[in-house]
């Protein structure tokens, strides 16, 4: 028998962004503005913004939602759509978003 289980219900998302030169503070401010409303969303368990220890131009959200439907509803919110389509192109050099299931040990 294994010593772990995989939670296939909840969704964990890691969204990483590298700021364009000189845009880190604006990027952090834009992303931080998404935190309060997202944390109030039904189904949001965790939504935290982090800055890399090794490269302060890299920031990442670690997100956790109760299920895929809650995560999809979050992604469809006007503020998130606005960020990805209008804000991000001005501030972000590169990005990577990946969705996971949590392994519970």
Protein backbone atom coordinates (compact mmCIF):
# COMPACT_ATOMS: atom_id res chain seq x y z
CA UNK A 1 0.00 0.00 0.00
CA UNK A 2 1.29 3.48 -0.85
CA UNK A 3 2.05 6.15 1.73
CA UNK A 4 0.26 8.86 -0.22
CA UNK A 5 -3.00 9.70 -1.92
CA UNK A 6 -3.76 12.04 -4.78
CA UNK A 7 -6.52 14.58 -4.22
CA UNK A 8 -8.21 14.62 -7.62
CA UNK A 9 -10.98 16.96 -6.47
CA UNK A 10 -9.06 20.10 -5.50
CA UNK A 11 -7.03 22.08 -8.00
CA UNK A 12 -3.63 23.65 -7.30
CA UNK A 13 -2.36 26.21 -9.79
CA UNK A 14 1.12 27.70 -9.94
CA UNK A 15 1.22 30.78 -12.15
CA UNK A 16 4.71 32.22 -12.69
CA UNK A 17 5.48 35.59 -14.27
CA UNK A 18 8.79 37.24 -15.13
CA UNK A 19 8.54 41.03 -15.21
CA UNK A 20 9.86 43.08 -18.09
CA UNK A 21 12.88 45.22 -17.20
CA UNK A 22 11.88 47.93 -14.75
CA UNK A 23 8.30 46.63 -14.45
CA UNK A 24 8.56 44.40 -11.37
CA UNK A 25 6.87 46.82 -8.95
CA UNK A 26 4.02 47.51 -11.38
CA UNK A 27 3.57 43.77 -11.94
CA UNK A 28 3.48 43.02 -8.21
CA UNK A 29 0.97 45.84 -7.69
CA UNK A 30 -1.25 44.57 -10.51
CA UNK A 31 -1.16 41.00 -9.21
CA UNK A 32 -1.62 42.04 -5.57
CA UNK A 33 -4.78 43.92 -6.58
CA UNK A 34 -6.33 40.55 -7.56
CA UNK A 35 -5.79 38.98 -4.13
CA UNK A 36 -8.60 40.41 -1.94
CA UNK A 37 -11.49 39.64 -4.30
CA UNK A 38 -10.11 36.23 -5.25
CA UNK A 39 -9.75 35.20 -1.62
CA UNK A 40 -13.47 35.99 -1.18
CA UNK A 41 -14.48 33.78 -4.13
CA UNK A 42 -16.56 30.76 -3.27
CA UNK A 43 -14.25 27.78 -3.64
CA UNK A 44 -10.94 29.60 -3.11
CA UNK A 45 -8.83 27.83 -0.49
CA UNK A 46 -5.47 29.53 -1.05
CA UNK A 47 -4.35 32.47 -3.17
CA UNK A 48 -0.93 33.84 -2.37
CA UNK A 49 1.52 35.99 -4.27
CA UNK A 50 5.25 35.28 -3.92
CA UNK A 51 8.50 36.86 -5.15
CA UNK A 52 11.41 34.60 -6.03
CA UNK A 53 14.34 34.57 -3.64
CA UNK A 54 16.75 34.01 -6.54
CA UNK A 55 15.34 36.53 -9.04
CA UNK A 56 13.19 39.38 -7.78
CA UNK A 57 11.77 39.90 -11.29
CA UNK A 58 9.96 36.57 -10.94
CA UNK A 59 6.67 36.36 -9.11
CA UNK A 60 4.29 33.46 -8.68
CA UNK A 61 0.80 32.79 -7.48
CA UNK A 62 0.16 29.57 -5.61
CA UNK A 63 -3.57 28.96 -5.82
CA UNK A 64 -5.86 26.25 -4.51
CA UNK A 65 -9.53 25.80 -5.30
CA UNK A 66 -12.08 23.26 -4.06
CA UNK A 67 -12.60 21.84 -7.55
CA UNK A 68 -12.12 22.47 -11.27
CA UNK A 69 -15.43 24.32 -11.55
CA UNK A 70 -14.36 26.86 -8.90
CA UNK A 71 -10.99 27.29 -10.61
CA UNK A 72 -12.62 27.75 -14.02
CA UNK A 73 -15.03 30.32 -12.56
CA UNK A 74 -12.04 32.17 -11.11
CA UNK A 75 -10.27 32.16 -14.48
CA UNK A 76 -13.39 33.54 -16.18
CA UNK A 77 -13.70 36.52 -13.80
CA UNK A 78 -13.50 39.92 -15.50
CA UNK A 79 -10.50 40.98 -13.40
CA UNK A 80 -8.51 37.86 -14.37
CA UNK A 81 -9.43 38.17 -18.05
CA UNK A 82 -8.48 41.87 -17.95
CA UNK A 83 -5.12 41.05 -16.38
CA UNK A 84 -4.21 38.40 -18.98
CA UNK A 85 -5.41 40.37 -22.01
CA UNK A 86 -4.57 43.97 -21.11
CA UNK A 87 -2.18 44.26 -18.16
CA UNK A 88 0.13 41.28 -18.62
CA UNK A 89 1.31 42.20 -22.16
CA UNK A 90 2.64 45.51 -20.82
CA UNK A 91 4.41 44.11 -17.76
CA UNK A 92 5.40 40.48 -18.37
CA UNK A 93 8.36 39.16 -20.34
CA UNK A 94 7.36 35.51 -19.93
CA UNK A 95 4.91 33.39 -17.98
CA UNK A 96 4.05 29.80 -17.23
CA UNK A 97 0.82 28.51 -15.70
CA UNK A 98 0.46 24.90 -14.60
CA UNK A 99 -2.37 23.09 -12.84
CA UNK A 100 -1.82 20.21 -10.41
CA UNK A 101 -3.56 17.74 -8.15
CA UNK A 102 -2.20 17.74 -4.61
CA UNK A 103 -0.37 14.67 -3.34
CA UNK A 104 -1.28 14.05 0.28
CA UNK A 105 1.39 12.19 2.25
